[in-house]
C-alpha atoms as a PDB file:
ATOM      1  CA  MET A   1      -5.109   9.208   9.448  1.00  0.00           C
ATOM      2  CA  ILE A   2      -2.545  10.508   6.971  1.00  0.00           C
ATOM      3  CA  ALA A   3      -2.575  14.221   6.163  1.00  0.00           C
ATOM      4  CA  PHE A   4      -0.418  16.437   3.933  1.00  0.00           C
ATOM      5  CA  ASP A   5      -0.292  20.187   4.501  1.00  0.00           C
ATOM      6  CA  ASN A   6       1.414  22.138   1.685  1.00  0.00           C
ATOM      7  CA  VAL A   7       4.005  19.367   1.283  1.00  0.00           C
ATOM      8  CA  ALA A   8       6.909  19.493  -1.143  1.00  0.00           C
ATOM      9  CA  TYR A   9       9.673  16.999  -1.847  1.00  0.00           C
ATOM     10  CA  SER A  10      12.878  17.755  -3.726  1.00  0.00           C
ATOM     11  CA  TYR A  11      15.184  15.181  -5.244  1.00  0.00           C
ATOM     12  CA  GLY A  12      18.512  15.670  -6.989  1.00  0.00           C
ATOM     13  CA  GLY A  13      18.278  19.424  -6.795  1.00  0.00           C
ATOM     14  CA  GLY A  14      14.833  19.624  -8.383  1.00  0.00           C
ATOM     15  CA  GLU A  15      11.354  19.674  -6.884  1.00  0.00           C
ATOM     16  CA  LEU A  16       9.471  16.436  -7.600  1.00  0.00           C
ATOM     17  CA  LEU A  17       6.297  17.213  -5.648  1.00  0.00           C
ATOM     18  CA  SER A  18       5.012  20.591  -4.472  1.00  0.00           C
ATOM     19  CA  GLU A  19       2.068  22.264  -2.720  1.00  0.00           C
ATOM     20  CA  ILE A  20       0.334  18.997  -1.821  1.00  0.00           C
ATOM     21  CA  SER A  21      -2.498  19.248   0.691  1.00  0.00           C
ATOM     22  CA  LEU A  22      -4.848  16.314   1.206  1.00  0.00           C
ATOM     23  CA  ARG A  23      -6.131  13.896   3.797  1.00  0.00           C
ATOM     24  CA  LEU A  24      -6.650  10.149   3.618  1.00  0.00           C
ATOM     25  CA  ALA A  25      -9.685   9.711   5.813  1.00  0.00           C
ATOM     26  CA  PRO A  26     -10.510   6.510   7.722  1.00  0.00           C
ATOM     27  CA  GLY A  27     -12.222   3.993   5.466  1.00  0.00           C
ATOM     28  CA  SER A  28     -11.508   5.892   2.244  1.00  0.00           C
ATOM     29  CA  PHE A  29     -10.351   4.311  -1.022  1.00  0.00           C
ATOM     30  CA  HIS A  30      -8.002   6.257  -3.283  1.00  0.00           C
ATOM     31  CA  PHE A  31      -6.173   5.635  -6.527  1.00  0.00           C
ATOM     32  CA  LEU A  32      -3.035   7.602  -7.394  1.00  0.00           C
ATOM     33  CA  THR A  33      -2.232   8.007 -11.104  1.00  0.00           C
ATOM     34  CA  GLY A  34       0.307   9.877 -13.157  1.00  0.00           C
ATOM     35  CA  PRO A  35       3.068   9.236 -15.694  1.00  0.00           C
ATOM     36  CA  SER A  36       6.188   7.255 -14.836  1.00  0.00           C
ATOM     37  CA  GLY A  37       8.593   9.386 -12.835  1.00  0.00           C
ATOM     38  CA  ALA A  38       5.847  11.751 -11.683  1.00  0.00           C
ATOM     39  CA  GLY A  39       6.418  10.855  -8.034  1.00  0.00           C
ATOM     40  CA  LYS A  40       3.818   8.199  -7.192  1.00  0.00           C
ATOM     41  CA  SER A  41       6.281   5.989  -5.302  1.00  0.00           C
ATOM     42  CA  THR A  42       7.744   9.049  -3.587  1.00  0.00           C
ATOM     43  CA  PHE A  43       4.280  10.082  -2.430  1.00  0.00           C
ATOM     44  CA  LEU A  44       3.688   6.614  -0.946  1.00  0.00           C
ATOM     45  CA  LYS A  45       7.049   6.758   0.863  1.00  0.00           C
ATOM     46  CA  LEU A  46       6.034  10.099   2.363  1.00  0.00           C
ATOM     47  CA  CYS A  47       2.841   8.398   3.568  1.00  0.00           C
ATOM     48  CA  TYR A  48       4.756   5.945   5.745  1.00  0.00           C
ATOM     49  CA  ALA A  49       7.715   8.176   6.660  1.00  0.00           C
ATOM     50  CA  GLU A  50      10.261   6.345   4.545  1.00  0.00           C
ATOM     51  CA  LEU A  51      10.940   9.868   3.255  1.00  0.00           C
ATOM     52  CA  LEU A  52      10.454  13.191   5.035  1.00  0.00           C
ATOM     53  CA  PRO A  53       9.084  16.233   3.203  1.00  0.00           C
ATOM     54  CA  THR A  54      11.494  19.011   2.306  1.00  0.00           C
ATOM     55  CA  ALA A  55       8.704  21.522   2.996  1.00  0.00           C
ATOM     56  CA  GLY A  56       5.290  21.408   4.634  1.00  0.00           C
ATOM     57  CA  ARG A  57       3.902  18.914   7.127  1.00  0.00           C
ATOM     58  CA  VAL A  58       2.992  15.236   6.933  1.00  0.00           C
ATOM     59  CA  THR A  59       0.893  13.951   9.829  1.00  0.00           C
ATOM     60  CA  LEU A  60       0.534  10.247  10.635  1.00  0.00           C
ATOM     61  CA  PHE A  61      -2.254   9.379  13.060  1.00  0.00           C
ATOM     62  CA  ASP A  62      -2.359  12.950  14.404  1.00  0.00           C
ATOM     63  CA  ARG A  63       1.423  13.238  14.894  1.00  0.00           C
ATOM     64  CA  GLU A  64       3.727  15.299  12.700  1.00  0.00           C
ATOM     65  CA  VAL A  65       6.414  13.017  11.235  1.00  0.00           C
ATOM     66  CA  ARG A  66       9.340  15.288  12.070  1.00  0.00           C
ATOM     67  CA  SER A  67       8.463  14.991  15.746  1.00  0.00           C
ATOM     68  CA  LEU A  68       8.587  11.194  15.695  1.00  0.00           C
ATOM     69  CA  THR A  69      11.510   9.201  17.041  1.00  0.00           C
ATOM     70  CA  ARG A  70      12.750   6.114  15.229  1.00  0.00           C
ATOM     71  CA  ASP A  71      10.693   3.968  17.617  1.00  0.00           C
ATOM     72  CA  ASP A  72       7.631   6.144  17.038  1.00  0.00           C
ATOM     73  CA  ILE A  73       7.976   5.674  13.278  1.00  0.00           C
ATOM     74  CA  ALA A  74       8.327   1.911  13.708  1.00  0.00           C
ATOM     75  CA  LEU A  75       5.127   1.828  15.774  1.00  0.00           C
ATOM     76  CA  SER A  76       3.280   3.983  13.250  1.00  0.00           C
ATOM     77  CA  ARG A  77       4.342   1.680  10.425  1.00  0.00           C
ATOM     78  CA  ARG A  78       2.693  -1.241  12.175  1.00  0.00           C
ATOM     79  CA  ARG A  79      -0.575   0.543  11.393  1.00  0.00           C
ATOM     80  CA  ILE A  80       0.338   0.865   7.695  1.00  0.00           C
ATOM     81  CA  GLY A  81       0.624  -2.153   5.420  1.00  0.00           C
ATOM     82  CA  VAL A  82       2.683  -1.640   2.256  1.00  0.00           C
ATOM     83  CA  VAL A  83       2.549  -3.771  -0.897  1.00  0.00           C
ATOM     84  CA  HIS A  84       5.506  -3.038  -3.152  1.00  0.00           C
ATOM     85  CA  GLN A  85       5.485  -3.609  -6.891  1.00  0.00           C
ATOM     86  CA  ASP A  86       8.639  -5.716  -6.662  1.00  0.00           C
ATOM     87  CA  CYS A  87       7.747  -7.783  -3.614  1.00  0.00           C
ATOM     88  CA  GLN A  88      10.792  -9.304  -1.938  1.00  0.00           C
ATOM     89  CA  PHE A  89      10.780 -12.559   0.015  1.00  0.00           C
ATOM     90  CA  LEU A  90      13.345 -14.698   1.808  1.00  0.00           C
ATOM     91  CA  ASP A  91      13.672 -17.527  -0.690  1.00  0.00           C
ATOM     92  CA  HIS A  92      14.883 -20.083   1.870  1.00  0.00           C
ATOM     93  CA  LEU A  93      11.765 -19.682   4.035  1.00  0.00           C
ATOM     94  CA  PRO A  94       8.365 -21.202   3.210  1.00  0.00           C
ATOM     95  CA  LEU A  95       5.480 -18.924   2.315  1.00  0.00           C
ATOM     96  CA  ALA A  96       3.876 -19.115   5.761  1.00  0.00           C
ATOM     97  CA  ALA A  97       7.092 -17.961   7.448  1.00  0.00           C
ATOM     98  CA  ASN A  98       7.519 -15.107   4.962  1.00  0.00           C
ATOM     99  CA  VAL A  99       3.965 -13.887   5.504  1.00  0.00           C
ATOM    100  CA  SER A 100       4.312 -13.972   9.294  1.00  0.00           C
ATOM    101  CA  LEU A 101       7.730 -12.272   9.288  1.00  0.00           C
ATOM    102  CA  PRO A 102       6.371  -8.863  10.422  1.00  0.00           C
ATOM    103  CA  LEU A 103       4.970 -10.544  13.534  1.00  0.00           C
ATOM    104  CA  THR A 104       8.322 -12.214  14.184  1.00  0.00           C
ATOM    105  CA  VAL A 105      10.190  -8.912  13.850  1.00  0.00           C
ATOM    106  CA  ALA A 106       7.696  -7.204  16.181  1.00  0.00           C
ATOM    107  CA  GLY A 107       8.133  -9.960  18.770  1.00  0.00           C
ATOM    108  CA  ARG A 108       4.521 -11.080  18.460  1.00  0.00           C
ATOM    109  CA  SER A 109       3.468 -14.675  18.153  1.00  0.00           C
ATOM    110  CA  SER A 110       1.014 -15.719  15.481  1.00  0.00           C
ATOM    111  CA  GLU A 111      -1.840 -18.084  16.039  1.00  0.00           C
ATOM    112  CA  ALA A 112      -1.542 -20.947  13.587  1.00  0.00           C
ATOM    113  CA  GLN A 113      -5.252 -20.770  12.819  1.00  0.00           C
ATOM    114  CA  ASP A 114      -5.116 -17.026  12.158  1.00  0.00           C
ATOM    115  CA  LEU A 115      -2.271 -17.518   9.676  1.00  0.00           C
ATOM    116  CA  THR A 116      -4.113 -20.404   8.029  1.00  0.00           C
ATOM    117  CA  ASP A 117      -7.251 -18.276   7.735  1.00  0.00           C
ATOM    118  CA  LEU A 118      -5.288 -15.380   6.220  1.00  0.00           C
ATOM    119  CA  LEU A 119      -3.573 -17.574   3.636  1.00  0.00           C
ATOM    120  CA  GLY A 120      -6.933 -19.107   2.786  1.00  0.00           C
ATOM    121  CA  TRP A 121      -8.471 -15.649   2.364  1.00  0.00           C
ATOM    122  CA  VAL A 122      -5.866 -14.695  -0.268  1.00  0.00           C
ATOM    123  CA  GLY A 123      -6.235 -18.084  -1.954  1.00  0.00           C
ATOM    124  CA  LEU A 124      -2.876 -19.496  -0.899  1.00  0.00           C
ATOM    125  CA  GLY A 125      -3.960 -22.010   1.731  1.00  0.00           C
ATOM    126  CA  GLN A 126      -2.496 -24.931  -0.192  1.00  0.00           C
ATOM    127  CA  LEU A 127       0.867 -23.207  -0.654  1.00  0.00           C
ATOM    128  CA  ALA A 128       1.830 -22.506   2.965  1.00  0.00           C
ATOM    129  CA  SER A 129       4.929 -24.702   2.733  1.00  0.00           C
ATOM    130  CA  ALA A 130       5.951 -23.600  -0.784  1.00  0.00           C
ATOM    131  CA  LEU A 131       9.140 -21.592  -1.261  1.00  0.00           C
ATOM    132  CA  PRO A 132       8.877 -18.154  -2.930  1.00  0.00           C
ATOM    133  CA  PRO A 133      10.663 -19.196  -6.168  1.00  0.00           C
ATOM    134  CA  GLN A 134       7.892 -21.751  -6.697  1.00  0.00           C
ATOM    135  CA  LEU A 135       5.170 -19.084  -6.749  1.00  0.00           C
ATOM    136  CA  SER A 136       3.683 -17.390  -9.798  1.00  0.00           C
ATOM    137  CA  GLY A 137       3.558 -13.598 -10.103  1.00  0.00           C
ATOM    138  CA  GLY A 138      -0.054 -13.480  -8.951  1.00  0.00           C
ATOM    139  CA  GLU A 139       0.649 -15.757  -6.011  1.00  0.00           C
ATOM    140  CA  ARG A 140       3.592 -13.576  -4.966  1.00  0.00           C
ATOM    141  CA  GLN A 141       1.440 -10.444  -5.048  1.00  0.00           C
ATOM    142  CA  ARG A 142      -1.290 -12.059  -2.972  1.00  0.00           C
ATOM    143  CA  ALA A 143       1.374 -13.280  -0.538  1.00  0.00           C
ATOM    144  CA  ALA A 144       2.708  -9.713  -0.362  1.00  0.00           C
ATOM    145  CA  LEU A 145      -0.787  -8.476   0.467  1.00  0.00           C
ATOM    146  CA  ALA A 146      -1.157 -11.101   3.196  1.00  0.00           C
ATOM    147  CA  ARG A 147       2.180 -10.048   4.691  1.00  0.00           C
ATOM    148  CA  ALA A 148       1.161  -6.383   4.534  1.00  0.00           C
ATOM    149  CA  ILE A 149      -2.047  -6.932   6.514  1.00  0.00           C
ATOM    150  CA  ILE A 150      -0.956  -9.587   9.017  1.00  0.00           C
ATOM    151  CA  MET A 151      -0.357  -6.911  11.669  1.00  0.00           C
ATOM    152  CA  GLY A 152      -3.937  -5.668  11.274  1.00  0.00           C
ATOM    153  CA  PRO A 153      -3.053  -2.234   9.836  1.00  0.00           C
ATOM    154  CA  ASP A 154      -5.484   0.644   9.502  1.00  0.00           C
ATOM    155  CA  VAL A 155      -4.064   1.727   6.131  1.00  0.00           C
ATOM    156  CA  ILE A 156      -2.971  -0.306   3.092  1.00  0.00           C
ATOM    157  CA  LEU A 157      -0.687   1.326   0.520  1.00  0.00           C
ATOM    158  CA  ALA A 158      -0.050  -0.545  -2.734  1.00  0.00           C
ATOM    159  CA  ASP A 159       2.494   0.548  -5.348  1.00  0.00           C
ATOM    160  CA  GLU A 160       1.500  -0.754  -8.810  1.00  0.00           C
ATOM    161  CA  PRO A 161       0.343  -4.070  -7.270  1.00  0.00           C
ATOM    162  CA  THR A 162      -1.082  -5.344 -10.570  1.00  0.00           C
ATOM    163  CA  GLY A 163       1.655  -4.012 -12.844  1.00  0.00           C
ATOM    164  CA  ASN A 164       3.001  -7.458 -13.733  1.00  0.00           C
ATOM    165  CA  LEU A 165      -0.278  -9.394 -13.607  1.00  0.00           C
ATOM    166  CA  ASP A 166      -2.793 -10.427 -16.241  1.00  0.00           C
ATOM    167  CA  TRP A 167      -6.323  -8.991 -16.084  1.00  0.00           C
ATOM    168  CA  GLU A 168      -7.886 -11.983 -14.309  1.00  0.00           C
ATOM    169  CA  MET A 169      -5.261 -11.951 -11.561  1.00  0.00           C
ATOM    170  CA  SER A 170      -5.486  -8.151 -11.320  1.00  0.00           C
ATOM    171  CA  LEU A 171      -9.207  -8.468 -10.624  1.00  0.00           C
ATOM    172  CA  ARG A 172      -8.579 -11.088  -7.927  1.00  0.00           C
ATOM    173  CA  LEU A 173      -6.165  -8.749  -6.168  1.00  0.00           C
ATOM    174  CA  LEU A 174      -8.555  -5.808  -6.543  1.00  0.00           C
ATOM    175  CA  THR A 175     -11.362  -7.893  -5.031  1.00  0.00           C
ATOM    176  CA  LEU A 176      -9.229  -8.490  -1.933  1.00  0.00           C
ATOM    177  CA  LEU A 177      -8.409  -4.788  -1.603  1.00  0.00           C
ATOM    178  CA  VAL A 178     -12.074  -3.834  -1.989  1.00  0.00           C
ATOM    179  CA  GLU A 179     -12.982  -6.342   0.728  1.00  0.00           C
ATOM    180  CA  LEU A 180     -10.393  -4.793   3.035  1.00  0.00           C
ATOM    181  CA  ASN A 181     -11.882  -1.363   2.385  1.00  0.00           C
ATOM    182  CA  ARG A 182     -15.372  -2.651   3.184  1.00  0.00           C
ATOM    183  CA  MET A 183     -13.931  -3.920   6.475  1.00  0.00           C
ATOM    184  CA  GLY A 184     -13.025  -0.298   7.295  1.00  0.00           C
ATOM    185  CA  LYS A 185      -9.445  -0.134   6.046  1.00  0.00           C
ATOM    186  CA  THR A 186      -8.118   2.925   4.261  1.00  0.00           C
ATOM    187  CA  VAL A 187      -6.689   1.910   0.869  1.00  0.00           C
ATOM    188  CA  LEU A 188      -4.438   3.839  -1.519  1.00  0.00           C
ATOM    189  CA  ILE A 189      -3.317   2.218  -4.779  1.00  0.00           C
ATOM    190  CA  ALA A 190      -0.781   3.764  -7.142  1.00  0.00           C
ATOM    191  CA  THR A 191      -1.469   2.477 -10.646  1.00  0.00           C
ATOM    192  CA  HIS A 192      -1.309   3.196 -14.380  1.00  0.00           C
ATOM    193  CA  ASP A 193      -4.218   0.846 -15.066  1.00  0.00           C
ATOM    194  CA  LEU A 194      -7.310   2.911 -15.867  1.00  0.00           C
ATOM    195  CA  ASN A 195      -9.361  -0.252 -16.466  1.00  0.00           C
ATOM    196  CA  LEU A 196      -8.607  -1.321 -12.902  1.00  0.00           C
ATOM    197  CA  ILE A 197      -9.774   2.071 -11.640  1.00  0.00           C
ATOM    198  CA  ARG A 198     -12.995   1.869 -13.632  1.00  0.00           C
ATOM    199  CA  GLN A 199     -13.646  -1.627 -12.288  1.00  0.00           C
ATOM    200  CA  ALA A 200     -13.164  -0.437  -8.706  1.00  0.00           C
ATOM    201  CA  LYS A 201     -15.369   2.637  -9.192  1.00  0.00           C
ATOM    202  CA  SER A 202     -18.194   0.348 -10.296  1.00  0.00           C
ATOM    203  CA  GLN A 203     -18.039  -1.321  -6.875  1.00  0.00           C
ATOM    204  CA  ILE A 204     -17.056   1.337  -4.349  1.00  0.00           C
ATOM    205  CA  ALA A 205     -16.750   5.100  -3.922  1.00  0.00           C
ATOM    206  CA  ALA A 206     -13.115   5.420  -4.961  1.00  0.00           C
ATOM    207  CA  ARG A 207     -11.478   8.820  -5.404  1.00  0.00           C
ATOM    208  CA  VAL A 208      -8.842   9.247  -8.089  1.00  0.00           C
ATOM    209  CA  LEU A 209      -5.825  11.467  -7.465  1.00  0.00           C
ATOM    210  CA  ARG A 210      -3.596  12.451 -10.379  1.00  0.00           C
ATOM    211  CA  ILE A 211      -0.063  13.805 -10.180  1.00  0.00           C
ATOM    212  CA  SER A 212       0.424  16.511 -12.802  1.00  0.00           C
ATOM    213  CA  LYS A 213       3.123  19.188 -12.918  1.00  0.00           C
ATOM    214  CA  ARG A 214       4.362  18.207  -9.431  1.00  0.00           C
ATOM    215  CA  ARG A 215       0.929  18.651  -7.857  1.00  0.00           C
ATOM    216  CA  ILE A 216      -1.840  16.240  -6.937  1.00  0.00           C
ATOM    217  CA  GLN A 217      -5.271  16.933  -8.360  1.00  0.00           C
ATOM    218  CA  LEU A 218      -8.596  15.214  -7.925  1.00  0.00           C
ATOM    219  CA  ALA A 219      -9.343  13.575 -11.263  1.00  0.00           C
ATOM    220  CA  GLY A 220     -12.690  14.179 -12.925  1.00  0.00           C
ATOM    221  CA  ALA A 221     -15.525  11.781 -13.568  1.00  0.00           C
ATOM    222  CA  ASP A 222     -14.075  10.789 -16.968  1.00  0.00           C
ATOM    223  CA  LEU A 223     -12.477   7.807 -15.277  1.00  0.00           C
END
């Protein structure tokens, strides 16, 4: 689905990532770890063609990203749901409208029942008419997840989705991501939280990738 072949990315005159070769297979679950500034967010941006590699090849759904037109990239991104650490919403729109915004932008109508079911699944069914400033941090993150998957993507990428949440809310969000994986979705989570990784590995076959010295390595069983 997403493949890297000897990929490098340079930023500000220096190489941030180098010699990365890996494949995110359909239905796989990955964690991405590494110190702050190691390039976790950059790696995720390469995964959905927000950034292009400075060397090597990134392939999205069997197409090399440099060969894609702007429209091709937009279509590919509909198959990739992204949950950002600092999730942004339009504060003047109710939660339901914010969650369904990707459908609006894509010119697709949403079935009211489908949206209701999705909000119920993330535990926000009673907050459909609430405005974003009224939501807690955990509610915002679950709303961000709902927005990321409303287009029915094949891949979900999450950048430190539990970074600002307490442990109980982190587990609720992890439970939703594990459920998505069991439904056949490919999931990649960038995180510092080793406890979250251990909790996931007790439930599913999650692989742990670690960025070290500009390269990505498969972490050992110590996690």
